[in-house]
């Protein structure tokens, strides 16, 4: 069951994301547990909670065990990441994948918006 989503859908062994979450694989029973990130202020496990265990088995969250300040410090010291705009960008608390669109505009792609009372 493990390692099927990334391989079958993407031709990859593993998928790495920048989400603040952690996974724990139980090799004996074949179960995957989604865990909160070490940095509780940045935790995104709630967002990933509906992701299937099969998909989570293929994912690594490299920053999930780190604090945001540790991630920034590590990135700042990396010659590969030097000059990356994210290092000086203010913290975002919004939904990263909708860009500059408003939430109602984004949701209108999926739902018919009707005024409430």
PDB file of N, CA and C in Angstrom:
ATOM      1  N   UNK A   1       0.831  -1.194   0.000  1.00  0.00           N
ATOM      2  CA  UNK A   1       0.000   0.000   0.000  1.00  0.00           C
ATOM      3  C   UNK A   1       0.865   1.243   0.000  1.00  0.00           C
ATOM      4  N   UNK A   2       1.950   1.252   0.778  1.00  0.00           N
ATOM      5  CA  UNK A   2       2.788   2.443   0.868  1.00  0.00           C
ATOM      6  C   UNK A   2       3.534   2.691  -0.430  1.00  0.00           C
ATOM      7  N   UNK A   3       3.861   3.918  -0.651  1.00  0.00           N
ATOM      8  CA  UNK A   3       4.673   4.355  -1.785  1.00  0.00           C
ATOM      9  C   UNK A   3       4.001   4.079  -3.126  1.00  0.00           C
ATOM     10  N   UNK A   4       2.695   4.181  -3.177  1.00  0.00           N
ATOM     11  CA  UNK A   4       2.015   3.957  -4.441  1.00  0.00           C
ATOM     12  C   UNK A   4       1.588   5.264  -5.103  1.00  0.00           C
ATOM     13  N   UNK A   5       1.098   6.225  -4.334  1.00  0.00           N
ATOM     14  CA  UNK A   5       0.595   7.470  -4.910  1.00  0.00           C
ATOM     15  C   UNK A   5       1.682   8.214  -5.678  1.00  0.00           C
ATOM     16  N   UNK A   6       2.829   8.455  -5.035  1.00  0.00           N
ATOM     17  CA  UNK A   6       3.908   9.207  -5.684  1.00  0.00           C
ATOM     18  C   UNK A   6       4.429   8.457  -6.905  1.00  0.00           C
ATOM     19  N   UNK A   7       4.607   7.175  -6.777  1.00  0.00           N
ATOM     20  CA  UNK A   7       5.158   6.387  -7.881  1.00  0.00           C
ATOM     21  C   UNK A   7       4.157   6.276  -9.031  1.00  0.00           C
ATOM     22  N   UNK A   8       2.926   5.893  -8.717  1.00  0.00           N
ATOM     23  CA  UNK A   8       1.934   5.659  -9.765  1.00  0.00           C
ATOM     24  C   UNK A   8       1.461   6.948 -10.430  1.00  0.00           C
ATOM     25  N   UNK A   9       1.273   7.978  -9.672  1.00  0.00           N
ATOM     26  CA  UNK A   9       0.733   9.231 -10.213  1.00  0.00           C
ATOM     27  C   UNK A   9       1.809  10.170 -10.728  1.00  0.00           C
ATOM     28  N   UNK A  10       2.983  10.161 -10.100  1.00  0.00           N
ATOM     29  CA  UNK A  10       4.006  11.144 -10.444  1.00  0.00           C
ATOM     30  C   UNK A  10       5.327  10.547 -10.906  1.00  0.00           C
ATOM     31  N   UNK A  11       5.488   9.246 -10.769  1.00  0.00           N
ATOM     32  CA  UNK A  11       6.755   8.629 -11.127  1.00  0.00           C
ATOM     33  C   UNK A  11       7.868   8.981 -10.154  1.00  0.00           C
ATOM     34  N   UNK A  12       7.514   9.286  -8.922  1.00  0.00           N
ATOM     35  CA  UNK A  12       8.488   9.683  -7.900  1.00  0.00           C
ATOM     36  C   UNK A  12       8.440   8.707  -6.734  1.00  0.00           C
ATOM     37  N   UNK A  13       9.518   8.653  -5.976  1.00  0.00           N
ATOM     38  CA  UNK A  13       9.538   7.816  -4.770  1.00  0.00           C
ATOM     39  C   UNK A  13       8.888   8.521  -3.595  1.00  0.00           C
ATOM     40  N   UNK A  14       9.096   9.829  -3.524  1.00  0.00           N
ATOM     41  CA  UNK A  14       8.627  10.613  -2.386  1.00  0.00           C
ATOM     42  C   UNK A  14       8.256  12.012  -2.850  1.00  0.00           C
ATOM     43  N   UNK A  15       7.316  12.627  -2.143  1.00  0.00           N
ATOM     44  CA  UNK A  15       6.929  14.006  -2.390  1.00  0.00           C
ATOM     45  C   UNK A  15       7.314  14.806  -1.149  1.00  0.00           C
ATOM     46  N   UNK A  16       8.006  15.904  -1.340  1.00  0.00           N
ATOM     47  CA  UNK A  16       8.364  16.781  -0.221  1.00  0.00           C
ATOM     48  C   UNK A  16       7.586  18.081  -0.364  1.00  0.00           C
ATOM     49  N   UNK A  17       7.006  18.536   0.740  1.00  0.00           N
ATOM     50  CA  UNK A  17       6.302  19.820   0.718  1.00  0.00           C
ATOM     51  C   UNK A  17       6.811  20.680   1.863  1.00  0.00           C
ATOM     52  N   UNK A  18       6.489  21.946   1.818  1.00  0.00           N
ATOM     53  CA  UNK A  18       6.887  22.882   2.859  1.00  0.00           C
ATOM     54  C   UNK A  18       5.841  23.038   3.945  1.00  0.00           C
ATOM     55  N   UNK A  19       4.890  22.129   4.021  1.00  0.00           N
ATOM     56  CA  UNK A  19       3.868  22.216   5.063  1.00  0.00           C
ATOM     57  C   UNK A  19       4.475  21.927   6.436  1.00  0.00           C
ATOM     58  N   UNK A  20       3.958  22.610   7.413  1.00  0.00           N
ATOM     59  CA  UNK A  20       4.366  22.378   8.800  1.00  0.00           C
ATOM     60  C   UNK A  20       3.464  21.297   9.367  1.00  0.00           C
ATOM     61  N   UNK A  21       3.909  20.060   9.237  1.00  0.00           N
ATOM     62  CA  UNK A  21       3.208  18.880   9.742  1.00  0.00           C
ATOM     63  C   UNK A  21       4.246  17.762   9.793  1.00  0.00           C
ATOM     64  N   UNK A  22       3.855  16.626  10.369  1.00  0.00           N
ATOM     65  CA  UNK A  22       4.750  15.484  10.441  1.00  0.00           C
ATOM     66  C   UNK A  22       3.941  14.217  10.184  1.00  0.00           C
ATOM     67  N   UNK A  23       4.599  13.197   9.673  1.00  0.00           N
ATOM     68  CA  UNK A  23       3.953  11.898   9.500  1.00  0.00           C
ATOM     69  C   UNK A  23       4.755  10.844  10.231  1.00  0.00           C
ATOM     70  N   UNK A  24       4.043   9.839  10.679  1.00  0.00           N
ATOM     71  CA  UNK A  24       4.673   8.708  11.353  1.00  0.00           C
ATOM     72  C   UNK A  24       4.165   7.451  10.669  1.00  0.00           C
ATOM     73  N   UNK A  25       5.096   6.649  10.157  1.00  0.00           N
ATOM     74  CA  UNK A  25       4.728   5.404   9.483  1.00  0.00           C
ATOM     75  C   UNK A  25       4.889   4.250  10.449  1.00  0.00           C
ATOM     76  N   UNK A  26       3.867   3.410  10.517  1.00  0.00           N
ATOM     77  CA  UNK A  26       3.919   2.202  11.323  1.00  0.00           C
ATOM     78  C   UNK A  26       4.123   1.043  10.351  1.00  0.00           C
ATOM     79  N   UNK A  27       5.367   0.659  10.148  1.00  0.00           N
ATOM     80  CA  UNK A  27       5.681  -0.380   9.166  1.00  0.00           C
ATOM     81  C   UNK A  27       5.002  -1.710   9.475  1.00  0.00           C
ATOM     82  N   UNK A  28       4.831  -2.006  10.752  1.00  0.00           N
ATOM     83  CA  UNK A  28       4.233  -3.283  11.124  1.00  0.00           C
ATOM     84  C   UNK A  28       2.790  -3.420  10.692  1.00  0.00           C
ATOM     85  N   UNK A  29       1.993  -2.415  11.003  1.00  0.00           N
ATOM     86  CA  UNK A  29       0.568  -2.505  10.704  1.00  0.00           C
ATOM     87  C   UNK A  29       0.152  -1.792   9.443  1.00  0.00           C
ATOM     88  N   UNK A  30       1.069  -1.075   8.810  1.00  0.00           N
ATOM     89  CA  UNK A  30       0.727  -0.375   7.579  1.00  0.00           C
ATOM     90  C   UNK A  30      -0.112   0.869   7.786  1.00  0.00           C
ATOM     91  N   UNK A  31      -0.021   1.471   8.951  1.00  0.00           N
ATOM     92  CA  UNK A  31      -0.790   2.680   9.236  1.00  0.00           C
ATOM     93  C   UNK A  31       0.098   3.917   9.146  1.00  0.00           C
ATOM     94  N   UNK A  32      -0.516   5.013   8.762  1.00  0.00           N
ATOM     95  CA  UNK A  32       0.167   6.301   8.697  1.00  0.00           C
ATOM     96  C   UNK A  32      -0.561   7.252   9.630  1.00  0.00           C
ATOM     97  N   UNK A  33       0.212   7.954  10.443  1.00  0.00           N
ATOM     98  CA  UNK A  33      -0.385   8.937  11.350  1.00  0.00           C
ATOM     99  C   UNK A  33       0.092  10.326  10.951  1.00  0.00           C
ATOM    100  N   UNK A  34      -0.841  11.249  10.834  1.00  0.00           N
ATOM    101  CA  UNK A  34      -0.526  12.645  10.603  1.00  0.00           C
ATOM    102  C   UNK A  34      -0.380  13.299  11.966  1.00  0.00           C
ATOM    103  N   UNK A  35       0.742  13.957  12.189  1.00  0.00           N
ATOM    104  CA  UNK A  35       1.031  14.588  13.476  1.00  0.00           C
ATOM    105  C   UNK A  35       1.172  16.093  13.317  1.00  0.00           C
ATOM    106  N   UNK A  36       0.936  16.795  14.410  1.00  0.00           N
ATOM    107  CA  UNK A  36       1.135  18.237  14.401  1.00  0.00           C
ATOM    108  C   UNK A  36       2.614  18.561  14.236  1.00  0.00           C
ATOM    109  N   UNK A  37       2.870  19.747  13.712  1.00  0.00           N
ATOM    110  CA  UNK A  37       4.240  20.223  13.554  1.00  0.00           C
ATOM    111  C   UNK A  37       4.811  20.598  14.907  1.00  0.00           C
ATOM    112  N   UNK A  38       6.123  20.614  14.987  1.00  0.00           N
ATOM    113  CA  UNK A  38       6.788  21.046  16.217  1.00  0.00           C
ATOM    114  C   UNK A  38       6.425  22.501  16.529  1.00  0.00           C
ATOM    115  N   UNK A  39       6.356  23.331  15.485  1.00  0.00           N
ATOM    116  CA  UNK A  39       6.000  24.742  15.663  1.00  0.00           C
ATOM    117  C   UNK A  39       4.477  24.852  15.645  1.00  0.00           C
ATOM    118  N   UNK A  40       3.880  24.888  16.824  1.00  0.00           N
ATOM    119  CA  UNK A  40       2.416  24.879  16.908  1.00  0.00           C
ATOM    120  C   UNK A  40       1.793  26.144  16.313  1.00  0.00           C
ATOM    121  N   UNK A  41       2.560  27.229  16.242  1.00  0.00           N
ATOM    122  CA  UNK A  41       2.042  28.469  15.646  1.00  0.00           C
ATOM    123  C   UNK A  41       1.940  28.359  14.128  1.00  0.00           C
ATOM    124  N   UNK A  42       2.695  27.456  13.520  1.00  0.00           N
ATOM    125  CA  UNK A  42       2.694  27.298  12.072  1.00  0.00           C
ATOM    126  C   UNK A  42       2.063  25.976  11.622  1.00  0.00           C
ATOM    127  N   UNK A  43       1.590  25.173  12.562  1.00  0.00           N
ATOM    128  CA  UNK A  43       1.055  23.847  12.267  1.00  0.00           C
ATOM    129  C   UNK A  43      -0.007  23.894  11.165  1.00  0.00           C
ATOM    130  N   UNK A  44       0.095  22.983  10.203  1.00  0.00           N
ATOM    131  CA  UNK A  44      -0.872  22.881   9.112  1.00  0.00           C
ATOM    132  C   UNK A  44      -1.479  21.479   9.012  1.00  0.00           C
ATOM    133  N   UNK A  45      -1.354  20.708  10.078  1.00  0.00           N
ATOM    134  CA  UNK A  45      -1.902  19.349  10.033  1.00  0.00           C
ATOM    135  C   UNK A  45      -3.422  19.365   9.856  1.00  0.00           C
ATOM    136  N   UNK A  46      -4.097  20.396  10.355  1.00  0.00           N
ATOM    137  CA  UNK A  46      -5.549  20.511  10.191  1.00  0.00           C
ATOM    138  C   UNK A  46      -5.901  20.573   8.708  1.00  0.00           C
ATOM    139  N   UNK A  47      -5.074  21.259   7.924  1.00  0.00           N
ATOM    140  CA  UNK A  47      -5.312  21.415   6.492  1.00  0.00           C
ATOM    141  C   UNK A  47      -5.128  20.087   5.759  1.00  0.00           C
ATOM    142  N   UNK A  48      -4.234  19.270   6.248  1.00  0.00           N
ATOM    143  CA  UNK A  48      -3.907  18.000   5.601  1.00  0.00           C
ATOM    144  C   UNK A  48      -4.711  16.825   6.142  1.00  0.00           C
ATOM    145  N   UNK A  49      -5.572  17.071   7.094  1.00  0.00           N
ATOM    146  CA  UNK A  49      -6.243  15.985   7.820  1.00  0.00           C
ATOM    147  C   UNK A  49      -7.117  15.086   6.946  1.00  0.00           C
ATOM    148  N   UNK A  50      -7.566  15.552   5.819  1.00  0.00           N
ATOM    149  CA  UNK A  50      -8.416  14.735   4.951  1.00  0.00           C
ATOM    150  C   UNK A  50      -7.607  14.006   3.874  1.00  0.00           C
ATOM    151  N   UNK A  51      -6.286  14.137   3.911  1.00  0.00           N
ATOM    152  CA  UNK A  51      -5.417  13.450   2.952  1.00  0.00           C
ATOM    153  C   UNK A  51      -5.353  11.968   3.312  1.00  0.00           C
ATOM    154  N   UNK A  52      -5.448  11.124   2.323  1.00  0.00           N
ATOM    155  CA  UNK A  52      -5.470   9.687   2.592  1.00  0.00           C
ATOM    156  C   UNK A  52      -4.140   9.206   3.163  1.00  0.00           C
ATOM    157  N   UNK A  53      -4.200   8.131   3.915  1.00  0.00           N
ATOM    158  CA  UNK A  53      -2.992   7.528   4.464  1.00  0.00           C
ATOM    159  C   UNK A  53      -2.045   7.071   3.370  1.00  0.00           C
ATOM    160  N   UNK A  54      -2.598   6.575   2.258  1.00  0.00           N
ATOM    161  CA  UNK A  54      -1.755   6.131   1.142  1.00  0.00           C
ATOM    162  C   UNK A  54      -0.958   7.297   0.574  1.00  0.00           C
ATOM    163  N   UNK A  55      -1.592   8.452   0.442  1.00  0.00           N
ATOM    164  CA  UNK A  55      -0.883   9.622  -0.072  1.00  0.00           C
ATOM    165  C   UNK A  55       0.120  10.129   0.954  1.00  0.00           C
ATOM    166  N   UNK A  56      -0.257  10.143   2.229  1.00  0.00           N
ATOM    167  CA  UNK A  56       0.656  10.623   3.277  1.00  0.00           C
ATOM    168  C   UNK A  56       1.885   9.735   3.425  1.00  0.00           C
ATOM    169  N   UNK A  57       1.745   8.474   3.083  1.00  0.00           N
ATOM    170  CA  UNK A  57       2.880   7.556   3.189  1.00  0.00           C
ATOM    171  C   UNK A  57       3.996   7.943   2.226  1.00  0.00           C
ATOM    172  N   UNK A  58       3.660   8.658   1.184  1.00  0.00           N
ATOM    173  CA  UNK A  58       4.627   9.073   0.178  1.00  0.00           C
ATOM    174  C   UNK A  58       5.201  10.464   0.437  1.00  0.00           C
ATOM    175  N   UNK A  59       4.740  11.139   1.476  1.00  0.00           N
ATOM    176  CA  UNK A  59       5.100  12.539   1.695  1.00  0.00           C
ATOM    177  C   UNK A  59       6.090  12.685   2.835  1.00  0.00           C
ATOM    178  N   UNK A  60       7.025  13.608   2.644  1.00  0.00           N
ATOM    179  CA  UNK A  60       7.875  14.032   3.755  1.00  0.00           C
ATOM    180  C   UNK A  60       7.662  15.527   3.944  1.00  0.00           C
ATOM    181  N   UNK A  61       7.696  15.952   5.167  1.00  0.00           N
ATOM    182  CA  UNK A  61       7.544  17.352   5.536  1.00  0.00           C
ATOM    183  C   UNK A  61       8.841  17.793   6.213  1.00  0.00           C
ATOM    184  N   UNK A  62       9.834  18.201   5.435  1.00  0.00           N
ATOM    185  CA  UNK A  62      11.152  18.503   6.004  1.00  0.00           C
ATOM    186  C   UNK A  62      11.151  19.572   7.091  1.00  0.00           C
ATOM    187  N   UNK A  63      10.207  20.511   7.040  1.00  0.00           N
ATOM    188  CA  UNK A  63      10.201  21.573   8.049  1.00  0.00           C
ATOM    189  C   UNK A  63       9.273  21.263   9.217  1.00  0.00           C
ATOM    190  N   UNK A  64       8.576  20.147   9.175  1.00  0.00           N
ATOM    191  CA  UNK A  64       7.604  19.809  10.211  1.00  0.00           C
ATOM    192  C   UNK A  64       8.185  19.648  11.604  1.00  0.00           C
ATOM    193  N   UNK A  65       9.448  19.268  11.692  1.00  0.00           N
ATOM    194  CA  UNK A  65      10.091  19.093  12.988  1.00  0.00           C
ATOM    195  C   UNK A  65      10.912  20.296  13.418  1.00  0.00           C
ATOM    196  N   UNK A  66      10.731  21.419  12.702  1.00  0.00           N
ATOM    197  CA  UNK A  66      11.518  22.612  12.996  1.00  0.00           C
ATOM    198  C   UNK A  66      10.621  23.798  13.359  1.00  0.00           C
ATOM    199  N   UNK A  67      11.193  24.746  14.066  1.00  0.00           N
ATOM    200  CA  UNK A  67      10.512  26.013  14.322  1.00  0.00           C
ATOM    201  C   UNK A  67      10.731  26.924  13.118  1.00  0.00           C
ATOM    202  N   UNK A  68       9.801  27.833  12.878  1.00  0.00           N
ATOM    203  CA  UNK A  68       9.904  28.740  11.729  1.00  0.00           C
ATOM    204  C   UNK A  68      11.229  29.506  11.737  1.00  0.00           C
ATOM    205  N   UNK A  69      11.656  29.978  12.905  1.00  0.00           N
ATOM    206  CA  UNK A  69      12.926  30.706  12.988  1.00  0.00           C
ATOM    207  C   UNK A  69      14.106  29.825  12.588  1.00  0.00           C
ATOM    208  N   UNK A  70      14.041  28.542  12.921  1.00  0.00           N
ATOM    209  CA  UNK A  70      15.109  27.612  12.532  1.00  0.00           C
ATOM    210  C   UNK A  70      15.134  27.420  11.014  1.00  0.00           C
ATOM    211  N   UNK A  71      13.952  27.352  10.418  1.00  0.00           N
ATOM    212  CA  UNK A  71      13.859  27.191   8.971  1.00  0.00           C
ATOM    213  C   UNK A  71      14.455  28.407   8.279  1.00  0.00           C
ATOM    214  N   UNK A  72      14.076  29.598   8.752  1.00  0.00           N
ATOM    215  CA  UNK A  72      14.603  30.827   8.149  1.00  0.00           C
ATOM    216  C   UNK A  72      16.114  30.924   8.332  1.00  0.00           C
ATOM    217  N   UNK A  73      16.594  30.561   9.502  1.00  0.00           N
ATOM    218  CA  UNK A  73      18.036  30.616   9.761  1.00  0.00           C
ATOM    219  C   UNK A  73      18.781  29.649   8.828  1.00  0.00           C
ATOM    220  N   UNK A  74      18.254  28.461   8.679  1.00  0.00           N
ATOM    221  CA  UNK A  74      18.859  27.469   7.794  1.00  0.00           C
ATOM    222  C   UNK A  74      18.850  27.967   6.344  1.00  0.00           C
ATOM    223  N   UNK A  75      17.732  28.513   5.919  1.00  0.00           N
ATOM    224  CA  UNK A  75      17.612  29.008   4.547  1.00  0.00           C
ATOM    225  C   UNK A  75      18.522  30.208   4.299  1.00  0.00           C
ATOM    226  N   UNK A  76      18.656  31.073   5.287  1.00  0.00           N
ATOM    227  CA  UNK A  76      19.498  32.258   5.141  1.00  0.00           C
ATOM    228  C   UNK A  76      20.958  31.866   4.955  1.00  0.00           C
ATOM    229  N   UNK A  77      21.379  30.795   5.599  1.00  0.00           N
ATOM    230  CA  UNK A  77      22.768  30.357   5.500  1.00  0.00           C
ATOM    231  C   UNK A  77      23.069  29.509   4.276  1.00  0.00           C
ATOM    232  N   UNK A  78      22.050  29.185   3.495  1.00  0.00           N
ATOM    233  CA  UNK A  78      22.246  28.317   2.329  1.00  0.00           C
ATOM    234  C   UNK A  78      22.601  29.136   1.096  1.00  0.00           C
ATOM    235  N   UNK A  79      23.736  28.829   0.447  1.00  0.00           N
ATOM    236  CA  UNK A  79      24.087  29.544  -0.779  1.00  0.00           C
ATOM    237  C   UNK A  79      23.067  29.323  -1.903  1.00  0.00           C
ATOM    238  N   UNK A  80      22.376  28.186  -1.878  1.00  0.00           N
ATOM    239  CA  UNK A  80      21.369  27.905  -2.902  1.00  0.00           C
ATOM    240  C   UNK A  80      20.129  28.775  -2.751  1.00  0.00           C
ATOM    241  N   UNK A  81      19.849  29.191  -1.513  1.00  0.00           N
ATOM    242  CA  UNK A  81      18.625  29.946  -1.247  1.00  0.00           C
ATOM    243  C   UNK A  81      18.864  31.434  -1.035  1.00  0.00           C
ATOM    244  N   UNK A  82      20.097  31.848  -1.041  1.00  0.00           N
ATOM    245  CA  UNK A  82      20.414  33.255  -0.806  1.00  0.00           C
ATOM    246  C   UNK A  82      19.681  34.127  -1.820  1.00  0.00           C
ATOM    247  N   UNK A  83      19.044  35.163  -1.330  1.00  0.00           N
ATOM    248  CA  UNK A  83      18.306  36.072  -2.205  1.00  0.00           C
ATOM    249  C   UNK A  83      16.877  35.644  -2.474  1.00  0.00           C
ATOM    250  N   UNK A  84      16.459  34.522  -1.921  1.00  0.00           N
ATOM    251  CA  UNK A  84      15.088  34.052  -2.111  1.00  0.00           C
ATOM    252  C   UNK A  84      14.126  35.034  -1.433  1.00  0.00           C
ATOM    253  N   UNK A  85      13.145  35.560  -2.148  1.00  0.00           N
ATOM    254  CA  UNK A  85      12.259  36.586  -1.581  1.00  0.00           C
ATOM    255  C   UNK A  85      11.528  36.157  -0.300  1.00  0.00           C
ATOM    256  N   UNK A  86      11.270  34.874  -0.152  1.00  0.00           N
ATOM    257  CA  UNK A  86      10.529  34.399   1.013  1.00  0.00           C
ATOM    258  C   UNK A  86      11.251  34.700   2.319  1.00  0.00           C
ATOM    259  N   UNK A  87      12.569  34.851   2.257  1.00  0.00           N
ATOM    260  CA  UNK A  87      13.341  35.075   3.474  1.00  0.00           C
ATOM    261  C   UNK A  87      13.071  36.436   4.099  1.00  0.00           C
ATOM    262  N   UNK A  88      12.663  37.409   3.301  1.00  0.00           N
ATOM    263  CA  UNK A  88      12.384  38.749   3.824  1.00  0.00           C
ATOM    264  C   UNK A  88      10.905  39.092   3.760  1.00  0.00           C
ATOM    265  N   UNK A  89      10.120  38.203   3.254  1.00  0.00           N
ATOM    266  CA  UNK A  89       8.678  38.419   3.122  1.00  0.00           C
ATOM    267  C   UNK A  89       8.009  38.339   4.491  1.00  0.00           C
ATOM    268  N   UNK A  90       7.046  39.232   4.765  1.00  0.00           N
ATOM    269  CA  UNK A  90       6.331  39.138   6.045  1.00  0.00           C
ATOM    270  C   UNK A  90       5.528  37.843   6.142  1.00  0.00           C
ATOM    271  N   UNK A  91       5.252  37.430   7.351  1.00  0.00           N
ATOM    272  CA  UNK A  91       4.472  36.209   7.574  1.00  0.00           C
ATOM    273  C   UNK A  91       3.094  36.341   6.946  1.00  0.00           C
ATOM    274  N   UNK A  92       2.644  35.260   6.314  1.00  0.00           N
ATOM    275  CA  UNK A  92       1.288  35.251   5.772  1.00  0.00           C
ATOM    276  C   UNK A  92       0.426  34.384   6.667  1.00  0.00           C
ATOM    277  N   UNK A  93      -0.791  34.795   6.837  1.00  0.00           N
ATOM    278  CA  UNK A  93      -1.723  34.011   7.631  1.00  0.00           C
ATOM    279  C   UNK A  93      -2.924  33.606   6.783  1.00  0.00           C
ATOM    280  N   UNK A  94      -2.849  33.874   5.485  1.00  0.00           N
ATOM    281  CA  UNK A  94      -3.958  33.558   4.603  1.00  0.00           C
ATOM    282  C   UNK A  94      -3.795  32.202   3.947  1.00  0.00           C
ATOM    283  N   UNK A  95      -4.612  31.978   2.962  1.00  0.00           N
ATOM    284  CA  UNK A  95      -4.562  30.739   2.207  1.00  0.00           C
ATOM    285  C   UNK A  95      -3.591  30.961   1.056  1.00  0.00           C
ATOM    286  N   UNK A  96      -2.454  30.294   1.102  1.00  0.00           N
ATOM    287  CA  UNK A  96      -1.350  30.585   0.178  1.00  0.00           C
ATOM    288  C   UNK A  96      -1.676  30.299  -1.276  1.00  0.00           C
ATOM    289  N   UNK A  97      -2.522  29.319  -1.562  1.00  0.00           N
ATOM    290  CA  UNK A  97      -2.698  28.891  -2.938  1.00  0.00           C
ATOM    291  C   UNK A  97      -3.724  29.696  -3.721  1.00  0.00           C
ATOM    292  N   UNK A  98      -4.391  30.691  -3.115  1.00  0.00           N
ATOM    293  CA  UNK A  98      -5.372  31.461  -3.876  1.00  0.00           C
ATOM    294  C   UNK A  98      -4.780  32.749  -4.429  1.00  0.00           C
ATOM    295  N   UNK A  99      -3.533  33.013  -4.097  1.00  0.00           N
ATOM    296  CA  UNK A  99      -2.885  34.209  -4.635  1.00  0.00           C
ATOM    297  C   UNK A  99      -3.498  35.476  -4.084  1.00  0.00           C
ATOM    298  N   UNK A 100      -3.667  36.451  -4.943  1.00  0.00           N
ATOM    299  CA  UNK A 100      -4.176  37.756  -4.508  1.00  0.00           C
ATOM    300  C   UNK A 100      -5.694  37.854  -4.611  1.00  0.00           C
ATOM    301  N   UNK A 101      -6.316  36.757  -5.026  1.00  0.00           N
ATOM    302  CA  UNK A 101      -7.784  36.769  -5.126  1.00  0.00           C
ATOM    303  C   UNK A 101      -8.420  36.803  -3.746  1.00  0.00           C
ATOM    304  N   UNK A 102      -9.619  37.321  -3.683  1.00  0.00           N
ATOM    305  CA  UNK A 102     -10.362  37.296  -2.422  1.00  0.00           C
ATOM    306  C   UNK A 102     -10.917  35.896  -2.215  1.00  0.00           C
ATOM    307  N   UNK A 103     -11.213  35.569  -0.991  1.00  0.00           N
ATOM    308  CA  UNK A 103     -11.771  34.242  -0.693  1.00  0.00           C
ATOM    309  C   UNK A 103     -13.097  34.027  -1.425  1.00  0.00           C
ATOM    310  N   UNK A 104     -14.039  34.999  -1.429  1.00  0.00           N
ATOM    311  CA  UNK A 104     -15.286  34.774  -2.177  1.00  0.00           C
ATOM    312  C   UNK A 104     -15.039  34.536  -3.671  1.00  0.00           C
ATOM    313  N   UNK A 105     -14.074  35.262  -4.256  1.00  0.00           N
ATOM    314  CA  UNK A 105     -13.757  35.071  -5.666  1.00  0.00           C
ATOM    315  C   UNK A 105     -13.212  33.660  -5.899  1.00  0.00           C
ATOM    316  N   UNK A 106     -12.325  33.222  -5.043  1.00  0.00           N
ATOM    317  CA  UNK A 106     -11.770  31.873  -5.157  1.00  0.00           C
ATOM    318  C   UNK A 106     -12.868  30.819  -5.017  1.00  0.00           C
ATOM    319  N   UNK A 107     -13.704  30.948  -3.998  1.00  0.00           N
ATOM    320  CA  UNK A 107     -14.754  29.957  -3.751  1.00  0.00           C
ATOM    321  C   UNK A 107     -15.804  29.928  -4.850  1.00  0.00           C
ATOM    322  N   UNK A 108     -15.986  31.062  -5.564  1.00  0.00           N
ATOM    323  CA  UNK A 108     -16.988  31.098  -6.632  1.00  0.00           C
ATOM    324  C   UNK A 108     -16.632  30.155  -7.777  1.00  0.00           C
ATOM    325  N   UNK A 109     -15.385  29.709  -7.853  1.00  0.00           N
ATOM    326  CA  UNK A 109     -14.996  28.723  -8.861  1.00  0.00           C
ATOM    327  C   UNK A 109     -15.565  27.342  -8.542  1.00  0.00           C
ATOM    328  N   UNK A 110     -15.947  27.118  -7.307  1.00  0.00           N
ATOM    329  CA  UNK A 110     -16.375  25.794  -6.864  1.00  0.00           C
ATOM    330  C   UNK A 110     -17.806  25.755  -6.331  1.00  0.00           C
ATOM    331  N   UNK A 111     -18.310  26.892  -5.904  1.00  0.00           N
ATOM    332  CA  UNK A 111     -19.648  26.952  -5.311  1.00  0.00           C
ATOM    333  C   UNK A 111     -20.419  28.115  -5.908  1.00  0.00           C
ATOM    334  N   UNK A 112     -21.713  27.930  -6.024  1.00  0.00           N
ATOM    335  CA  UNK A 112     -22.548  29.048  -6.421  1.00  0.00           C
ATOM    336  C   UNK A 112     -22.815  29.874  -5.167  1.00  0.00           C
ATOM    337  N   UNK A 113     -22.344  31.112  -5.193  1.00  0.00           N
ATOM    338  CA  UNK A 113     -22.505  31.958  -4.016  1.00  0.00           C
ATOM    339  C   UNK A 113     -23.884  32.599  -4.031  1.00  0.00           C
ATOM    340  N   UNK A 114     -24.606  32.395  -2.924  1.00  0.00           N
ATOM    341  CA  UNK A 114     -25.912  33.018  -2.785  1.00  0.00           C
ATOM    342  C   UNK A 114     -25.923  33.760  -1.458  1.00  0.00           C
ATOM    343  N   UNK A 115     -26.494  34.960  -1.472  1.00  0.00           N
ATOM    344  CA  UNK A 115     -26.515  35.743  -0.227  1.00  0.00           C
ATOM    345  C   UNK A 115     -27.321  35.035   0.869  1.00  0.00           C
ATOM    346  N   UNK A 116     -26.851  35.152   2.067  1.00  0.00           N
ATOM    347  CA  UNK A 116     -27.572  34.595   3.214  1.00  0.00           C
ATOM    348  C   UNK A 116     -28.431  35.665   3.860  1.00  0.00           C
ATOM    349  N   UNK A 117     -29.037  35.298   4.975  1.00  0.00           N
ATOM    350  CA  UNK A 117     -29.870  36.287   5.683  1.00  0.00           C
ATOM    351  C   UNK A 117     -28.992  37.330   6.320  1.00  0.00           C
TER     352      UNK A 117
END
